[in-house]
Amino acid sequence: MSIAVVFDSAGTLLSTYRVAKDICHKKLLPGIETTTLTYSSPDRVLIVLPVHSKDLIATEPDTLLSEYLVEHNIRFGISCTRKITTADEIGDLLYTDKRCRVGDLQECIRNVWGVCRKEAMLTLNSGAIINMAKEGIEFTITAGGWPFEGAKETISALHRMGVPTFIASGDRVTKLEKMADHLGIPRDRVYGVATPTVKAQIVTDLRKEYDRVLMVGDGINDLCAMQNADIAVLTIQQPGERPEDLYKEADHVVRSVSEVVPIVREILNTTRVCDRDACGA
């Protein structure tokens, strides 16, 4: 019996703190769930930006974010969206936006730094939510993540059992690789800037290689991948409310990522017992 386990990153392997800045209302929204915020409107698209926080902080706050991105040739990745749209359409709005300032994203970064400053192993991702109907940036976003207690031990335990682990996440690849190095997951098993559709396809592709594929996630953007998996595991280690659809889809609901290990062990043990019984017959 060959088994593979696919993990989401933020909220699943990483304890995550997120903050958004409402551009129109000039209001900071600490502790927000960005995927839920995105999915609450069919016109919103969550994007990630490969920007360096220190470079942004050093920039004049009144600079238009669109001008900063164009000047530094900064591209974007689509993290999640309910709306069917093209990268060109998103880019047309992102790179011509006249409302959002660099200072809006600076506020998000400083807020995350302040909350997460005591964490030794920290990844930082920034981005924005584009509203296609409002034709511009509606929110700036920054998220800080650090490994849940037991996450590294969980990965090690699975690897000792001969079970490969993968990460499929909407976060930036470079940040995910840094965390994967810490957790012990090979970089060629890390899939970044993965939309819900891409996550689902990753699971589908892995099912062609392995007898059982587990998808471990915590948010609505993991639902499609959980539906495509042989076994869906919903982790509620990250505080917050979750849609009922996630609970309905889950074969297991766990309060700690470490609980994935006994689930996998039970599958392996059950398979061995069945194989022995078949041989005895």
C-alpha atoms as a PDB file:
ATOM      1  CA  MET A   1       0.000   0.000   0.000  1.00  0.00           C
ATOM      2  CA  SER A   2       1.509   3.304  -1.105  1.00  0.00           C
ATOM      3  CA  ILE A   3       0.274   6.458   0.596  1.00  0.00           C
ATOM      4  CA  ALA A   4       0.983  10.163   0.002  1.00  0.00           C
ATOM      5  CA  VAL A   5      -0.088  13.058   2.212  1.00  0.00           C
ATOM      6  CA  VAL A   6      -0.705  16.542   0.808  1.00  0.00           C
ATOM      7  CA  PHE A   7      -0.733  19.420   3.283  1.00  0.00           C
ATOM      8  CA  ASP A   8      -1.999  22.928   2.910  1.00  0.00           C
ATOM      9  CA  SER A   9       0.431  25.409   4.450  1.00  0.00           C
ATOM     10  CA  ALA A  10      -1.120  28.378   6.275  1.00  0.00           C
ATOM     11  CA  GLY A  11      -3.461  27.218   9.020  1.00  0.00           C
ATOM     12  CA  THR A  12      -2.527  23.568   8.508  1.00  0.00           C
ATOM     13  CA  LEU A  13       1.228  23.234   8.987  1.00  0.00           C
ATOM     14  CA  LEU A  14       1.683  26.852  10.008  1.00  0.00           C
ATOM     15  CA  SER A  15      -0.005  28.859  12.708  1.00  0.00           C
ATOM     16  CA  THR A  16      -0.944  31.956  10.762  1.00  0.00           C
ATOM     17  CA  TYR A  17      -1.767  35.541  11.576  1.00  0.00           C
ATOM     18  CA  ARG A  18      -3.233  37.705   8.816  1.00  0.00           C
ATOM     19  CA  VAL A  19      -4.157  41.344   8.538  1.00  0.00           C
ATOM     20  CA  ALA A  20      -5.918  43.262   5.767  1.00  0.00           C
ATOM     21  CA  LYS A  21      -6.275  46.960   5.038  1.00  0.00           C
ATOM     22  CA  ASP A  22      -9.614  48.093   3.640  1.00  0.00           C
ATOM     23  CA  ILE A  23      -8.506  50.690   1.103  1.00  0.00           C
ATOM     24  CA  CYS A  24     -11.840  52.467   0.619  1.00  0.00           C
ATOM     25  CA  HIS A  25     -12.586  52.779   4.330  1.00  0.00           C
ATOM     26  CA  LYS A  26      -8.933  53.165   5.381  1.00  0.00           C
ATOM     27  CA  LYS A  27      -9.439  50.566   8.082  1.00  0.00           C
ATOM     28  CA  LEU A  28      -7.058  47.857   9.316  1.00  0.00           C
ATOM     29  CA  LEU A  29      -8.645  44.426   9.803  1.00  0.00           C
ATOM     30  CA  PRO A  30      -6.369  42.383  12.114  1.00  0.00           C
ATOM     31  CA  GLY A  31      -6.783  38.634  12.423  1.00  0.00           C
ATOM     32  CA  ILE A  32      -8.867  38.370   9.242  1.00  0.00           C
ATOM     33  CA  GLU A  33      -9.311  35.108   7.294  1.00  0.00           C
ATOM     34  CA  THR A  34      -8.289  36.232   3.809  1.00  0.00           C
ATOM     35  CA  THR A  35      -9.726  33.308   1.849  1.00  0.00           C
ATOM     36  CA  THR A  36     -13.113  33.777   3.523  1.00  0.00           C
ATOM     37  CA  LEU A  37     -12.895  37.511   2.798  1.00  0.00           C
ATOM     38  CA  THR A  38     -12.129  36.739  -0.841  1.00  0.00           C
ATOM     39  CA  TYR A  39     -14.893  34.166  -1.242  1.00  0.00           C
ATOM     40  CA  SER A  40     -17.481  36.479   0.321  1.00  0.00           C
ATOM     41  CA  SER A  41     -17.731  38.294  -3.024  1.00  0.00           C
ATOM     42  CA  PRO A  42     -17.728  36.694  -6.489  1.00  0.00           C
ATOM     43  CA  ASP A  43     -15.779  39.670  -7.839  1.00  0.00           C
ATOM     44  CA  ARG A  44     -12.742  39.335  -5.562  1.00  0.00           C
ATOM     45  CA  VAL A  45      -9.399  37.830  -6.520  1.00  0.00           C
ATOM     46  CA  LEU A  46      -6.681  37.168  -3.928  1.00  0.00           C
ATOM     47  CA  ILE A  47      -3.179  37.625  -5.323  1.00  0.00           C
ATOM     48  CA  VAL A  48       0.268  37.175  -3.815  1.00  0.00           C
ATOM     49  CA  LEU A  49       3.120  39.577  -4.557  1.00  0.00           C
ATOM     50  CA  PRO A  50       6.803  38.540  -4.486  1.00  0.00           C
ATOM     51  CA  VAL A  51       7.810  41.736  -2.699  1.00  0.00           C
ATOM     52  CA  HIS A  52      10.491  42.106  -0.042  1.00  0.00           C
ATOM     53  CA  SER A  53       9.061  43.606   3.125  1.00  0.00           C
ATOM     54  CA  LYS A  54      12.171  45.641   3.973  1.00  0.00           C
ATOM     55  CA  ASP A  55      12.223  47.176   0.483  1.00  0.00           C
ATOM     56  CA  LEU A  56       8.582  48.155   0.812  1.00  0.00           C
ATOM     57  CA  ILE A  57       9.110  49.673   4.248  1.00  0.00           C
ATOM     58  CA  ALA A  58      11.951  51.783   2.835  1.00  0.00           C
ATOM     59  CA  THR A  59       9.690  53.204   0.108  1.00  0.00           C
ATOM     60  CA  GLU A  60       7.867  56.545   0.333  1.00  0.00           C
ATOM     61  CA  PRO A  61       4.419  55.670   1.783  1.00  0.00           C
ATOM     62  CA  ASP A  62       2.491  57.955  -0.601  1.00  0.00           C
ATOM     63  CA  THR A  63       3.836  56.096  -3.651  1.00  0.00           C
ATOM     64  CA  LEU A  64       1.082  54.348  -5.564  1.00  0.00           C
ATOM     65  CA  LEU A  65       1.456  50.607  -5.088  1.00  0.00           C
ATOM     66  CA  SER A  66       0.762  50.120  -8.800  1.00  0.00           C
ATOM     67  CA  GLU A  67       3.669  52.421  -9.688  1.00  0.00           C
ATOM     68  CA  TYR A  68       5.988  50.573  -7.305  1.00  0.00           C
ATOM     69  CA  LEU A  69       5.063  47.220  -8.856  1.00  0.00           C
ATOM     70  CA  VAL A  70       5.560  48.488 -12.408  1.00  0.00           C
ATOM     71  CA  GLU A  71       8.855  50.225 -11.612  1.00  0.00           C
ATOM     72  CA  HIS A  72      10.305  47.088 -10.012  1.00  0.00           C
ATOM     73  CA  ASN A  73       8.760  44.719 -12.569  1.00  0.00           C
ATOM     74  CA  ILE A  74       6.948  42.748  -9.859  1.00  0.00           C
ATOM     75  CA  ARG A  75       4.588  40.090 -11.136  1.00  0.00           C
ATOM     76  CA  PHE A  76       1.801  38.416  -9.185  1.00  0.00           C
ATOM     77  CA  GLY A  77       0.324  35.001  -8.541  1.00  0.00           C
ATOM     78  CA  ILE A  78      -3.376  34.182  -8.253  1.00  0.00           C
ATOM     79  CA  SER A  79      -3.998  32.548  -4.875  1.00  0.00           C
ATOM     80  CA  CYS A  80      -7.776  32.063  -4.971  1.00  0.00           C
ATOM     81  CA  THR A  81     -10.888  33.412  -6.621  1.00  0.00           C
ATOM     82  CA  ARG A  82     -14.507  32.522  -7.308  1.00  0.00           C
ATOM     83  CA  LYS A  83     -14.515  34.551 -10.511  1.00  0.00           C
ATOM     84  CA  ILE A  84     -13.378  33.128 -13.833  1.00  0.00           C
ATOM     85  CA  THR A  85     -10.956  35.703 -15.168  1.00  0.00           C
ATOM     86  CA  THR A  86      -7.593  36.005 -16.872  1.00  0.00           C
ATOM     87  CA  ALA A  87      -4.236  37.130 -15.550  1.00  0.00           C
ATOM     88  CA  ASP A  88      -4.242  39.937 -18.126  1.00  0.00           C
ATOM     89  CA  GLU A  89      -7.547  41.290 -16.812  1.00  0.00           C
ATOM     90  CA  ILE A  90      -6.243  41.199 -13.239  1.00  0.00           C
ATOM     91  CA  GLY A  91      -2.974  42.813 -14.253  1.00  0.00           C
ATOM     92  CA  ASP A  92      -4.772  45.606 -16.101  1.00  0.00           C
ATOM     93  CA  LEU A  93      -6.455  46.617 -12.841  1.00  0.00           C
ATOM     94  CA  LEU A  94      -3.510  45.953 -10.518  1.00  0.00           C
ATOM     95  CA  TYR A  95      -0.929  47.949 -12.484  1.00  0.00           C
ATOM     96  CA  THR A  96      -3.194  50.942 -13.132  1.00  0.00           C
ATOM     97  CA  ASP A  97      -4.807  51.227  -9.693  1.00  0.00           C
ATOM     98  CA  LYS A  98      -4.917  54.819  -8.411  1.00  0.00           C
ATOM     99  CA  ARG A  99      -6.266  54.291  -4.874  1.00  0.00           C
ATOM    100  CA  CYS A 100      -3.860  51.981  -3.062  1.00  0.00           C
ATOM    101  CA  ARG A 101      -0.591  53.358  -1.679  1.00  0.00           C
ATOM    102  CA  VAL A 102       2.565  51.582  -0.585  1.00  0.00           C
ATOM    103  CA  GLY A 103       1.745  52.900   2.880  1.00  0.00           C
ATOM    104  CA  ASP A 104      -1.377  50.714   2.957  1.00  0.00           C
ATOM    105  CA  LEU A 105       0.740  47.590   2.599  1.00  0.00           C
ATOM    106  CA  GLN A 106       3.326  48.990   5.019  1.00  0.00           C
ATOM    107  CA  GLU A 107       0.628  49.161   7.702  1.00  0.00           C
ATOM    108  CA  CYS A 108      -0.134  45.468   7.196  1.00  0.00           C
ATOM    109  CA  ILE A 109       3.537  44.480   7.342  1.00  0.00           C
ATOM    110  CA  ARG A 110       4.210  46.472  10.505  1.00  0.00           C
ATOM    111  CA  ASN A 111       1.139  44.989  12.174  1.00  0.00           C
ATOM    112  CA  VAL A 112       2.287  41.425  11.441  1.00  0.00           C
ATOM    113  CA  TRP A 113       5.833  42.217  12.588  1.00  0.00           C
ATOM    114  CA  GLY A 114       4.446  43.555  15.844  1.00  0.00           C
ATOM    115  CA  VAL A 115       2.283  40.502  16.525  1.00  0.00           C
ATOM    116  CA  CYS A 116       4.796  37.850  15.397  1.00  0.00           C
ATOM    117  CA  ARG A 117       8.096  39.408  16.483  1.00  0.00           C
ATOM    118  CA  LYS A 118       8.757  36.672  19.075  1.00  0.00           C
ATOM    119  CA  GLU A 119       8.553  33.825  16.541  1.00  0.00           C
ATOM    120  CA  ALA A 120      11.982  32.469  15.634  1.00  0.00           C
ATOM    121  CA  MET A 121      10.881  30.767  12.391  1.00  0.00           C
ATOM    122  CA  LEU A 122       8.614  33.167  10.526  1.00  0.00           C
ATOM    123  CA  THR A 123       7.509  33.419   6.908  1.00  0.00           C
ATOM    124  CA  LEU A 124       5.939  36.623   5.649  1.00  0.00           C
ATOM    125  CA  ASN A 125       3.709  36.915   2.585  1.00  0.00           C
ATOM    126  CA  SER A 126       2.064  40.021   1.194  1.00  0.00           C
ATOM    127  CA  GLY A 127      -0.529  40.537  -1.477  1.00  0.00           C
ATOM    128  CA  ALA A 128      -3.837  42.169  -2.282  1.00  0.00           C
ATOM    129  CA  ILE A 129      -7.465  41.483  -3.057  1.00  0.00           C
ATOM    130  CA  ILE A 130      -8.538  42.875  -6.409  1.00  0.00           C
ATOM    131  CA  ASN A 131     -12.230  43.628  -6.898  1.00  0.00           C
ATOM    132  CA  MET A 132     -12.974  43.130 -10.579  1.00  0.00           C
ATOM    133  CA  ALA A 133     -16.330  44.941 -10.324  1.00  0.00           C
ATOM    134  CA  LYS A 134     -14.828  47.947  -8.521  1.00  0.00           C
ATOM    135  CA  GLU A 135     -11.869  47.833 -10.922  1.00  0.00           C
ATOM    136  CA  GLY A 136      -9.046  48.130  -8.450  1.00  0.00           C
ATOM    137  CA  ILE A 137      -7.349  47.034  -5.251  1.00  0.00           C
ATOM    138  CA  GLU A 138      -9.897  46.635  -2.463  1.00  0.00           C
ATOM    139  CA  PHE A 139      -7.593  45.284   0.290  1.00  0.00           C
ATOM    140  CA  THR A 140      -3.884  44.925   0.941  1.00  0.00           C
ATOM    141  CA  ILE A 141      -2.879  41.742   2.772  1.00  0.00           C
ATOM    142  CA  THR A 142       0.045  40.499   4.859  1.00  0.00           C
ATOM    143  CA  ALA A 143       0.297  37.117   6.585  1.00  0.00           C
ATOM    144  CA  GLY A 144       2.885  35.775   8.989  1.00  0.00           C
ATOM    145  CA  GLY A 145       3.250  32.050   9.609  1.00  0.00           C
ATOM    146  CA  TRP A 146       5.288  29.837  11.897  1.00  0.00           C
ATOM    147  CA  PRO A 147       5.192  26.023  12.377  1.00  0.00           C
ATOM    148  CA  PHE A 148       2.551  24.573  14.641  1.00  0.00           C
ATOM    149  CA  GLU A 149       3.941  22.679  17.599  1.00  0.00           C
ATOM    150  CA  GLY A 150       4.450  19.121  16.407  1.00  0.00           C
ATOM    151  CA  ALA A 151       4.450  19.930  12.677  1.00  0.00           C
ATOM    152  CA  LYS A 152       8.096  19.044  12.113  1.00  0.00           C
ATOM    153  CA  GLU A 153       7.747  15.872  14.195  1.00  0.00           C
ATOM    154  CA  THR A 154       4.674  14.906  12.156  1.00  0.00           C
ATOM    155  CA  ILE A 155       6.537  15.160   8.870  1.00  0.00           C
ATOM    156  CA  SER A 156       9.478  13.187  10.281  1.00  0.00           C
ATOM    157  CA  ALA A 157       7.162  10.444  11.581  1.00  0.00           C
ATOM    158  CA  LEU A 158       5.455  10.096   8.197  1.00  0.00           C
ATOM    159  CA  HIS A 159       8.789   9.918   6.390  1.00  0.00           C
ATOM    160  CA  ARG A 160      10.004   7.213   8.767  1.00  0.00           C
ATOM    161  CA  MET A 161       6.885   5.260   7.808  1.00  0.00           C
ATOM    162  CA  GLY A 162       7.875   5.601   4.148  1.00  0.00           C
ATOM    163  CA  VAL A 163       5.050   8.040   3.406  1.00  0.00           C
ATOM    164  CA  PRO A 164       6.010  11.033   1.202  1.00  0.00           C
ATOM    165  CA  THR A 165       4.609  14.443   2.088  1.00  0.00           C
ATOM    166  CA  PHE A 166       3.727  17.338  -0.191  1.00  0.00           C
ATOM    167  CA  ILE A 167       2.735  20.987   0.274  1.00  0.00           C
ATOM    168  CA  ALA A 168       0.104  22.564  -1.981  1.00  0.00           C
ATOM    169  CA  SER A 169      -0.551  26.164  -1.001  1.00  0.00           C
ATOM    170  CA  GLY A 170      -1.551  29.546  -2.315  1.00  0.00           C
ATOM    171  CA  ASP A 171       1.531  31.083  -0.686  1.00  0.00           C
ATOM    172  CA  ARG A 172       4.696  32.144  -2.520  1.00  0.00           C
ATOM    173  CA  VAL A 173       7.054  29.333  -3.561  1.00  0.00           C
ATOM    174  CA  THR A 174      10.177  30.935  -2.068  1.00  0.00           C
ATOM    175  CA  LYS A 175       8.535  31.303   1.338  1.00  0.00           C
ATOM    176  CA  LEU A 176       7.157  27.758   1.189  1.00  0.00           C
ATOM    177  CA  GLU A 177      10.566  26.331   0.315  1.00  0.00           C
ATOM    178  CA  LYS A 178      12.090  28.032   3.361  1.00  0.00           C
ATOM    179  CA  MET A 179       9.475  26.433   5.580  1.00  0.00           C
ATOM    180  CA  ALA A 180       9.752  23.077   3.779  1.00  0.00           C
ATOM    181  CA  ASP A 181      13.493  23.055   4.465  1.00  0.00           C
ATOM    182  CA  HIS A 182      12.751  23.545   8.151  1.00  0.00           C
ATOM    183  CA  LEU A 183      10.094  20.815   8.208  1.00  0.00           C
ATOM    184  CA  GLY A 184      12.112  18.358   6.125  1.00  0.00           C
ATOM    185  CA  ILE A 185       9.911  18.281   3.019  1.00  0.00           C
ATOM    186  CA  PRO A 186      11.882  18.098  -0.268  1.00  0.00           C
ATOM    187  CA  ARG A 187      11.549  21.207  -2.406  1.00  0.00           C
ATOM    188  CA  ASP A 188      10.412  19.232  -5.449  1.00  0.00           C
ATOM    189  CA  ARG A 189       7.298  18.296  -3.473  1.00  0.00           C
ATOM    190  CA  VAL A 190       6.333  21.914  -2.822  1.00  0.00           C
ATOM    191  CA  TYR A 191       3.646  23.530  -4.990  1.00  0.00           C
ATOM    192  CA  GLY A 192       3.221  27.248  -4.398  1.00  0.00           C
ATOM    193  CA  VAL A 193       0.693  29.831  -5.597  1.00  0.00           C
ATOM    194  CA  ALA A 194      -1.737  26.942  -6.003  1.00  0.00           C
ATOM    195  CA  THR A 195      -5.339  27.983  -6.553  1.00  0.00           C
ATOM    196  CA  PRO A 196      -8.112  25.649  -5.304  1.00  0.00           C
ATOM    197  CA  THR A 197      -8.343  24.171  -8.813  1.00  0.00           C
ATOM    198  CA  VAL A 198      -4.597  23.554  -8.966  1.00  0.00           C
ATOM    199  CA  LYS A 199      -4.617  21.934  -5.519  1.00  0.00           C
ATOM    200  CA  ALA A 200      -7.360  19.606  -6.682  1.00  0.00           C
ATOM    201  CA  GLN A 201      -5.386  18.701  -9.810  1.00  0.00           C
ATOM    202  CA  ILE A 202      -2.257  17.987  -7.752  1.00  0.00           C
ATOM    203  CA  VAL A 203      -4.249  15.516  -5.654  1.00  0.00           C
ATOM    204  CA  THR A 204      -5.752  13.929  -8.781  1.00  0.00           C
ATOM    205  CA  ASP A 205      -2.306  13.504 -10.357  1.00  0.00           C
ATOM    206  CA  LEU A 206      -0.878  11.949  -7.193  1.00  0.00           C
ATOM    207  CA  ARG A 207      -3.719   9.423  -7.083  1.00  0.00           C
ATOM    208  CA  LYS A 208      -2.307   7.990 -10.322  1.00  0.00           C
ATOM    209  CA  GLU A 209       0.973   7.268  -8.508  1.00  0.00           C
ATOM    210  CA  TYR A 210      -0.215   6.200  -5.042  1.00  0.00           C
ATOM    211  CA  ASP A 211      -2.867   3.809  -3.760  1.00  0.00           C
ATOM    212  CA  ARG A 212      -4.178   6.358  -1.237  1.00  0.00           C
ATOM    213  CA  VAL A 213      -3.820  10.144  -1.185  1.00  0.00           C
ATOM    214  CA  LEU A 214      -4.734  12.160   1.899  1.00  0.00           C
ATOM    215  CA  MET A 215      -5.479  15.874   1.670  1.00  0.00           C
ATOM    216  CA  VAL A 216      -5.001  17.806   4.900  1.00  0.00           C
ATOM    217  CA  GLY A 217      -6.420  21.337   4.930  1.00  0.00           C
ATOM    218  CA  ASP A 218      -8.210  23.895   7.056  1.00  0.00           C
ATOM    219  CA  GLY A 219      -9.958  26.359   4.751  1.00  0.00           C
ATOM    220  CA  ILE A 220     -12.546  26.723   2.027  1.00  0.00           C
ATOM    221  CA  ASN A 221      -9.775  26.938  -0.588  1.00  0.00           C
ATOM    222  CA  ASP A 222      -8.883  23.308   0.279  1.00  0.00           C
ATOM    223  CA  LEU A 223     -12.390  21.971  -0.366  1.00  0.00           C
ATOM    224  CA  CYS A 224     -11.889  20.936  -4.009  1.00  0.00           C
ATOM    225  CA  ALA A 225      -8.658  19.111  -3.162  1.00  0.00           C
ATOM    226  CA  MET A 226     -10.358  17.356  -0.241  1.00  0.00           C
ATOM    227  CA  GLN A 227     -13.154  16.245  -2.572  1.00  0.00           C
ATOM    228  CA  ASN A 228     -10.611  14.766  -4.994  1.00  0.00           C
ATOM    229  CA  ALA A 229      -8.629  12.951  -2.294  1.00  0.00           C
ATOM    230  CA  ASP A 230      -9.165   9.366  -1.158  1.00  0.00           C
ATOM    231  CA  ILE A 231      -9.219  10.616   2.424  1.00  0.00           C
ATOM    232  CA  ALA A 232      -9.991  14.190   3.480  1.00  0.00           C
ATOM    233  CA  VAL A 233      -8.630  15.489   6.780  1.00  0.00           C
ATOM    234  CA  LEU A 234      -9.881  18.788   8.183  1.00  0.00           C
ATOM    235  CA  THR A 235      -7.619  20.330  10.812  1.00  0.00           C
ATOM    236  CA  ILE A 236      -9.081  22.918  13.176  1.00  0.00           C
ATOM    237  CA  GLN A 237      -5.825  23.718  14.984  1.00  0.00           C
ATOM    238  CA  GLN A 238      -5.982  27.239  13.576  1.00  0.00           C
ATOM    239  CA  PRO A 239      -8.724  29.151  15.466  1.00  0.00           C
ATOM    240  CA  GLY A 240     -11.663  30.452  13.490  1.00  0.00           C
ATOM    241  CA  GLU A 241     -15.002  29.512  11.977  1.00  0.00           C
ATOM    242  CA  ARG A 242     -15.194  27.253   8.931  1.00  0.00           C
ATOM    243  CA  PRO A 243     -17.938  26.593   6.385  1.00  0.00           C
ATOM    244  CA  GLU A 244     -20.119  23.559   7.084  1.00  0.00           C
ATOM    245  CA  ASP A 245     -19.141  22.151   3.668  1.00  0.00           C
ATOM    246  CA  LEU A 246     -15.651  21.423   5.014  1.00  0.00           C
ATOM    247  CA  TYR A 247     -17.005  19.363   7.901  1.00  0.00           C
ATOM    248  CA  LYS A 248     -19.338  17.463   5.566  1.00  0.00           C
ATOM    249  CA  GLU A 249     -16.474  16.597   3.215  1.00  0.00           C
ATOM    250  CA  ALA A 250     -13.999  15.552   5.912  1.00  0.00           C
ATOM    251  CA  ASP A 251     -13.421  11.889   6.704  1.00  0.00           C
ATOM    252  CA  HIS A 252     -11.511  13.007   9.802  1.00  0.00           C
ATOM    253  CA  VAL A 253     -11.569  16.231  11.824  1.00  0.00           C
ATOM    254  CA  VAL A 254      -8.427  16.749  13.932  1.00  0.00           C
ATOM    255  CA  ARG A 255      -7.377  19.362  16.446  1.00  0.00           C
ATOM    256  CA  SER A 256      -3.652  18.901  15.821  1.00  0.00           C
ATOM    257  CA  VAL A 257      -1.692  18.158  12.672  1.00  0.00           C
ATOM    258  CA  SER A 258       0.101  15.423  14.646  1.00  0.00           C
ATOM    259  CA  GLU A 259      -3.151  13.391  14.551  1.00  0.00           C
ATOM    260  CA  VAL A 260      -2.489  12.704  10.858  1.00  0.00           C
ATOM    261  CA  VAL A 261       0.183  10.169  11.873  1.00  0.00           C
ATOM    262  CA  PRO A 262      -2.161   7.684  13.615  1.00  0.00           C
ATOM    263  CA  ILE A 263      -4.645   8.034  10.734  1.00  0.00           C
ATOM    264  CA  VAL A 264      -1.962   6.983   8.256  1.00  0.00           C
ATOM    265  CA  ARG A 265      -0.692   4.252  10.594  1.00  0.00           C
ATOM    266  CA  GLU A 266      -4.192   2.792  10.872  1.00  0.00           C
ATOM    267  CA  ILE A 267      -4.529   2.680   7.077  1.00  0.00           C
ATOM    268  CA  LEU A 268      -1.200   0.874   6.764  1.00  0.00           C
ATOM    269  CA  ASN A 269      -1.994  -1.578   9.561  1.00  0.00           C
ATOM    270  CA  THR A 270      -5.457  -2.328   8.163  1.00  0.00           C
ATOM    271  CA  THR A 271      -3.953  -2.999   4.754  1.00  0.00           C
ATOM    272  CA  ARG A 272      -1.367  -5.381   6.195  1.00  0.00           C
ATOM    273  CA  VAL A 273      -4.052  -7.303   8.090  1.00  0.00           C
ATOM    274  CA  CYS A 274      -6.151  -7.601   4.943  1.00  0.00           C
ATOM    275  CA  ASP A 275      -3.128  -8.780   2.962  1.00  0.00           C
ATOM    276  CA  ARG A 276      -2.367 -11.458   5.601  1.00  0.00           C
ATOM    277  CA  ASP A 277      -5.983 -12.604   5.634  1.00  0.00           C
ATOM    278  CA  ALA A 278      -5.977 -12.813   1.825  1.00  0.00           C
ATOM    279  CA  CYS A 279      -2.769 -14.868   1.891  1.00  0.00           C
ATOM    280  CA  GLY A 280      -4.207 -17.140   4.606  1.00  0.00           C
ATOM    281  CA  ALA A 281      -7.311 -17.719   2.564  1.00  0.00           C
END
